[in-house]
Amino acid sequence: HLLRTGFAAAPRSSDLVKLLNAVDPEDLHRAGAEFMKCCGVAKEQLLAAAERIDLNGRIASIVLESEAQLEQMLPSEAVVLGPLEGAFRGQKGGISWLHNDEN
């Protein structure tokens, strides 16, 4: 579906792009591991990432914004618990892998 019809940006996607662009280029090679550290972490702890040495604050901000985007898009009775897994597939073209490795 994605390759045939294209990708429609969700509301607030530009906020996610800005947050990703704020990550230092030399830190991008560790982004996948940093996303993984955010899995299973409570929202309050992600909000306090700047106070924790084990979490990257910029990556935690991306996770929080992603959760906020889901909460905006899903029905009000849905509950967003947090990320199940963390992966960073590069700044460009990563979305085209979505259906290939997330099924």
N, C-alpha and C. Protein backbone atom coordinates (compact mmCIF):
# COMPACT_ATOMS: atom_id res chain seq x y z
N HIS A 1 0.83 -1.20 0.00
CA HIS A 1 0.00 0.00 0.00
C HIS A 1 0.87 1.26 0.00
N LEU A 2 1.86 1.29 0.86
CA LEU A 2 2.71 2.47 0.99
C LEU A 2 3.43 2.81 -0.32
N LEU A 3 4.01 1.81 -0.97
CA LEU A 3 4.74 2.06 -2.21
C LEU A 3 3.80 2.43 -3.35
N ARG A 4 2.58 1.90 -3.31
CA ARG A 4 1.63 2.15 -4.38
C ARG A 4 0.93 3.52 -4.24
N THR A 5 0.54 3.87 -3.02
CA THR A 5 -0.24 5.09 -2.84
C THR A 5 0.52 6.23 -2.19
N GLY A 6 1.68 5.95 -1.64
CA GLY A 6 2.46 7.02 -1.03
C GLY A 6 2.18 7.15 0.46
N PHE A 7 2.87 8.04 1.08
CA PHE A 7 2.78 8.25 2.52
C PHE A 7 2.09 9.58 2.80
N ALA A 8 1.07 9.55 3.60
CA ALA A 8 0.39 10.78 4.01
C ALA A 8 0.92 11.18 5.37
N ALA A 9 1.46 12.35 5.47
CA ALA A 9 2.01 12.82 6.74
C ALA A 9 0.89 13.00 7.76
N ALA A 10 1.11 12.51 8.95
CA ALA A 10 0.15 12.65 10.03
C ALA A 10 0.25 14.05 10.61
N PRO A 11 -0.78 14.48 11.33
CA PRO A 11 -0.69 15.79 12.00
C PRO A 11 0.54 15.83 12.90
N ARG A 12 1.17 16.95 12.95
CA ARG A 12 2.35 17.21 13.77
C ARG A 12 3.60 16.50 13.27
N SER A 13 3.58 15.95 12.07
CA SER A 13 4.78 15.31 11.54
C SER A 13 5.94 16.28 11.42
N SER A 14 5.64 17.52 11.11
CA SER A 14 6.72 18.50 11.00
C SER A 14 7.42 18.70 12.35
N ASP A 15 6.68 18.53 13.44
CA ASP A 15 7.31 18.61 14.77
C ASP A 15 8.30 17.48 14.96
N LEU A 16 7.94 16.28 14.49
CA LEU A 16 8.86 15.14 14.59
C LEU A 16 10.11 15.37 13.74
N VAL A 17 9.93 15.91 12.55
CA VAL A 17 11.06 16.19 11.67
C VAL A 17 12.00 17.20 12.33
N LYS A 18 11.44 18.24 12.94
CA LYS A 18 12.27 19.24 13.63
C LYS A 18 13.05 18.61 14.77
N LEU A 19 12.39 17.74 15.53
CA LEU A 19 13.07 17.08 16.65
C LEU A 19 14.20 16.19 16.15
N LEU A 20 13.96 15.45 15.07
CA LEU A 20 15.01 14.60 14.50
C LEU A 20 16.17 15.43 13.99
N ASN A 21 15.86 16.53 13.34
CA ASN A 21 16.92 17.39 12.81
C ASN A 21 17.74 18.05 13.92
N ALA A 22 17.20 18.09 15.14
CA ALA A 22 17.92 18.68 16.26
C ALA A 22 18.93 17.71 16.87
N VAL A 23 18.85 16.43 16.51
CA VAL A 23 19.81 15.45 17.00
C VAL A 23 21.14 15.69 16.30
N ASP A 24 22.20 15.75 17.09
CA ASP A 24 23.52 15.98 16.52
C ASP A 24 23.85 14.89 15.49
N PRO A 25 24.35 15.27 14.32
CA PRO A 25 24.66 14.28 13.28
C PRO A 25 25.57 13.15 13.76
N GLU A 26 26.52 13.47 14.63
CA GLU A 26 27.41 12.41 15.12
C GLU A 26 26.70 11.45 16.08
N ASP A 27 25.53 11.86 16.61
CA ASP A 27 24.75 10.98 17.49
C ASP A 27 23.78 10.08 16.72
N LEU A 28 23.56 10.35 15.44
CA LEU A 28 22.57 9.58 14.69
C LEU A 28 22.95 8.11 14.56
N HIS A 29 24.24 7.78 14.53
CA HIS A 29 24.62 6.38 14.42
C HIS A 29 24.27 5.57 15.66
N ARG A 30 24.01 6.25 16.78
CA ARG A 30 23.58 5.58 18.02
C ARG A 30 22.09 5.74 18.27
N ALA A 31 21.37 6.33 17.32
CA ALA A 31 19.96 6.64 17.55
C ALA A 31 19.12 5.40 17.82
N GLY A 32 19.38 4.30 17.11
CA GLY A 32 18.62 3.08 17.33
C GLY A 32 18.73 2.58 18.77
N ALA A 33 19.94 2.57 19.29
CA ALA A 33 20.15 2.14 20.68
C ALA A 33 19.49 3.11 21.65
N GLU A 34 19.51 4.39 21.32
CA GLU A 34 18.88 5.39 22.19
C GLU A 34 17.36 5.24 22.19
N PHE A 35 16.77 4.91 21.02
CA PHE A 35 15.33 4.64 20.97
C PHE A 35 14.99 3.43 21.83
N MET A 36 15.81 2.38 21.76
CA MET A 36 15.57 1.17 22.54
C MET A 36 15.56 1.46 24.04
N LYS A 37 16.40 2.38 24.48
CA LYS A 37 16.44 2.74 25.90
C LYS A 37 15.13 3.38 26.37
N CYS A 38 14.36 3.92 25.44
CA CYS A 38 13.10 4.58 25.79
C CYS A 38 11.94 3.59 25.88
N CYS A 39 12.14 2.37 25.44
CA CYS A 39 11.08 1.35 25.50
C CYS A 39 10.87 0.92 26.94
N GLY A 40 9.62 0.89 27.37
CA GLY A 40 9.28 0.48 28.73
C GLY A 40 9.50 1.57 29.76
N VAL A 41 9.80 2.78 29.32
CA VAL A 41 10.04 3.89 30.24
C VAL A 41 8.76 4.73 30.33
N ALA A 42 8.36 5.06 31.54
CA ALA A 42 7.14 5.84 31.76
C ALA A 42 7.28 7.24 31.16
N LYS A 43 6.14 7.81 30.79
CA LYS A 43 6.13 9.14 30.19
C LYS A 43 6.79 10.18 31.11
N GLU A 44 6.54 10.07 32.41
CA GLU A 44 7.14 11.01 33.36
C GLU A 44 8.66 10.93 33.34
N GLN A 45 9.18 9.71 33.18
CA GLN A 45 10.63 9.54 33.12
C GLN A 45 11.19 10.08 31.81
N LEU A 46 10.43 9.92 30.72
CA LEU A 46 10.88 10.48 29.45
C LEU A 46 10.89 12.00 29.52
N LEU A 47 9.89 12.57 30.18
CA LEU A 47 9.84 14.02 30.34
C LEU A 47 11.04 14.53 31.14
N ALA A 48 11.54 13.71 32.05
CA ALA A 48 12.68 14.09 32.88
C ALA A 48 14.00 13.56 32.33
N ALA A 49 14.04 13.26 31.03
CA ALA A 49 15.23 12.66 30.43
C ALA A 49 16.48 13.51 30.63
N ALA A 50 16.32 14.83 30.66
CA ALA A 50 17.48 15.70 30.83
C ALA A 50 18.17 15.46 32.17
N GLU A 51 17.42 14.94 33.15
CA GLU A 51 17.97 14.68 34.48
C GLU A 51 18.56 13.27 34.60
N ARG A 52 18.36 12.44 33.57
CA ARG A 52 18.83 11.06 33.61
C ARG A 52 20.02 10.90 32.67
N ILE A 53 21.06 10.26 33.14
CA ILE A 53 22.24 10.08 32.30
C ILE A 53 22.06 8.92 31.33
N ASP A 54 21.07 8.04 31.58
CA ASP A 54 20.90 6.87 30.72
C ASP A 54 19.99 7.12 29.53
N LEU A 55 19.35 8.28 29.44
CA LEU A 55 18.46 8.61 28.32
C LEU A 55 18.96 9.82 27.57
N ASN A 56 18.86 9.77 26.26
CA ASN A 56 19.19 10.91 25.41
C ASN A 56 17.95 11.80 25.34
N GLY A 57 18.05 13.01 25.82
CA GLY A 57 16.91 13.92 25.88
C GLY A 57 16.26 14.20 24.54
N ARG A 58 17.05 14.33 23.50
CA ARG A 58 16.49 14.61 22.18
C ARG A 58 15.73 13.41 21.64
N ILE A 59 16.25 12.21 21.85
CA ILE A 59 15.55 11.01 21.40
C ILE A 59 14.28 10.82 22.23
N ALA A 60 14.35 11.05 23.53
CA ALA A 60 13.16 10.95 24.39
C ALA A 60 12.08 11.92 23.92
N SER A 61 12.48 13.10 23.45
CA SER A 61 11.51 14.08 22.93
C SER A 61 10.81 13.54 21.68
N ILE A 62 11.54 12.83 20.83
CA ILE A 62 10.94 12.24 19.63
C ILE A 62 9.92 11.17 20.03
N VAL A 63 10.27 10.35 21.00
CA VAL A 63 9.35 9.32 21.48
C VAL A 63 8.10 9.95 22.05
N LEU A 64 8.26 10.98 22.88
CA LEU A 64 7.10 11.67 23.47
C LEU A 64 6.22 12.29 22.40
N GLU A 65 6.81 12.92 21.40
CA GLU A 65 6.03 13.53 20.33
C GLU A 65 5.32 12.47 19.50
N SER A 66 5.97 11.33 19.29
CA SER A 66 5.33 10.23 18.57
C SER A 66 4.10 9.73 19.33
N GLU A 67 4.24 9.60 20.65
CA GLU A 67 3.11 9.18 21.47
C GLU A 67 1.98 10.20 21.41
N ALA A 68 2.33 11.48 21.47
CA ALA A 68 1.31 12.53 21.40
C ALA A 68 0.59 12.50 20.06
N GLN A 69 1.33 12.22 19.00
CA GLN A 69 0.72 12.12 17.67
C GLN A 69 -0.27 10.96 17.62
N LEU A 70 0.10 9.83 18.18
CA LEU A 70 -0.80 8.68 18.23
C LEU A 70 -2.05 9.00 19.04
N GLU A 71 -1.86 9.64 20.19
CA GLU A 71 -3.01 9.99 21.02
C GLU A 71 -3.97 10.92 20.29
N GLN A 72 -3.43 11.78 19.45
CA GLN A 72 -4.27 12.69 18.67
C GLN A 72 -5.03 11.94 17.57
N MET A 73 -4.40 10.94 16.99
CA MET A 73 -4.99 10.23 15.85
C MET A 73 -5.95 9.12 16.26
N LEU A 74 -5.71 8.48 17.38
CA LEU A 74 -6.51 7.32 17.78
C LEU A 74 -7.81 7.75 18.46
N PRO A 75 -8.79 6.87 18.49
CA PRO A 75 -10.03 7.19 19.20
C PRO A 75 -9.76 7.48 20.67
N SER A 76 -10.61 8.25 21.30
CA SER A 76 -10.39 8.68 22.69
C SER A 76 -10.34 7.51 23.67
N GLU A 77 -10.98 6.40 23.34
CA GLU A 77 -10.94 5.25 24.26
C GLU A 77 -9.65 4.45 24.14
N ALA A 78 -8.81 4.74 23.16
CA ALA A 78 -7.53 4.04 23.00
C ALA A 78 -6.52 4.57 24.02
N VAL A 79 -5.62 3.70 24.40
CA VAL A 79 -4.57 4.06 25.36
C VAL A 79 -3.21 3.80 24.70
N VAL A 80 -2.36 4.80 24.70
CA VAL A 80 -1.00 4.65 24.18
C VAL A 80 -0.09 4.35 25.36
N LEU A 81 0.47 3.15 25.38
CA LEU A 81 1.32 2.74 26.49
C LEU A 81 2.76 3.18 26.32
N GLY A 82 3.21 3.25 25.08
CA GLY A 82 4.59 3.62 24.81
C GLY A 82 5.16 2.76 23.71
N PRO A 83 6.41 2.96 23.37
CA PRO A 83 7.01 2.19 22.27
C PRO A 83 7.23 0.74 22.66
N LEU A 84 6.98 -0.13 21.70
CA LEU A 84 7.20 -1.56 21.88
C LEU A 84 8.65 -1.92 21.55
N GLU A 85 9.19 -1.25 20.56
CA GLU A 85 10.57 -1.45 20.15
C GLU A 85 11.11 -0.13 19.64
N GLY A 86 12.39 -0.03 19.56
CA GLY A 86 12.99 1.19 19.05
C GLY A 86 13.87 0.90 17.86
N ALA A 87 13.72 1.69 16.82
CA ALA A 87 14.54 1.51 15.63
C ALA A 87 14.72 2.85 14.93
N PHE A 88 15.89 3.06 14.40
CA PHE A 88 16.16 4.24 13.58
C PHE A 88 16.71 3.74 12.27
N ARG A 89 16.04 4.07 11.19
CA ARG A 89 16.41 3.53 9.88
C ARG A 89 17.05 4.58 8.97
N GLY A 90 17.50 5.64 9.54
CA GLY A 90 18.13 6.69 8.75
C GLY A 90 17.18 7.87 8.57
N GLN A 91 17.76 9.01 8.24
CA GLN A 91 16.97 10.22 8.10
C GLN A 91 16.10 10.21 6.85
N LYS A 92 16.54 9.54 5.80
CA LYS A 92 15.81 9.58 4.53
C LYS A 92 15.39 8.18 4.13
N GLY A 93 14.15 8.04 3.73
CA GLY A 93 13.68 6.79 3.17
C GLY A 93 13.30 5.72 4.18
N GLY A 94 13.47 5.97 5.47
CA GLY A 94 13.16 4.96 6.47
C GLY A 94 11.71 4.51 6.45
N ILE A 95 10.80 5.41 6.14
CA ILE A 95 9.39 5.05 6.16
C ILE A 95 9.06 3.99 5.11
N SER A 96 9.82 3.89 4.03
CA SER A 96 9.53 2.91 3.01
C SER A 96 9.78 1.48 3.50
N TRP A 97 10.48 1.31 4.61
CA TRP A 97 10.74 -0.01 5.16
C TRP A 97 9.62 -0.48 6.08
N LEU A 98 8.70 0.38 6.42
CA LEU A 98 7.72 0.12 7.47
C LEU A 98 6.99 -1.20 7.27
N HIS A 99 6.40 -1.41 6.12
CA HIS A 99 5.62 -2.61 5.91
C HIS A 99 6.50 -3.84 5.74
N ASN A 100 7.72 -3.67 5.36
CA ASN A 100 8.61 -4.81 5.17
C ASN A 100 9.07 -5.41 6.49
N ASP A 101 9.33 -4.60 7.50
CA ASP A 101 9.89 -5.16 8.73
C ASP A 101 8.99 -5.04 9.95
N GLU A 102 7.83 -4.45 9.82
CA GLU A 102 6.96 -4.31 10.97
C GLU A 102 5.80 -5.29 10.96
N ASN A 103 5.69 -6.12 9.90
CA ASN A 103 4.59 -7.09 9.84
C ASN A 103 4.91 -8.32 10.65
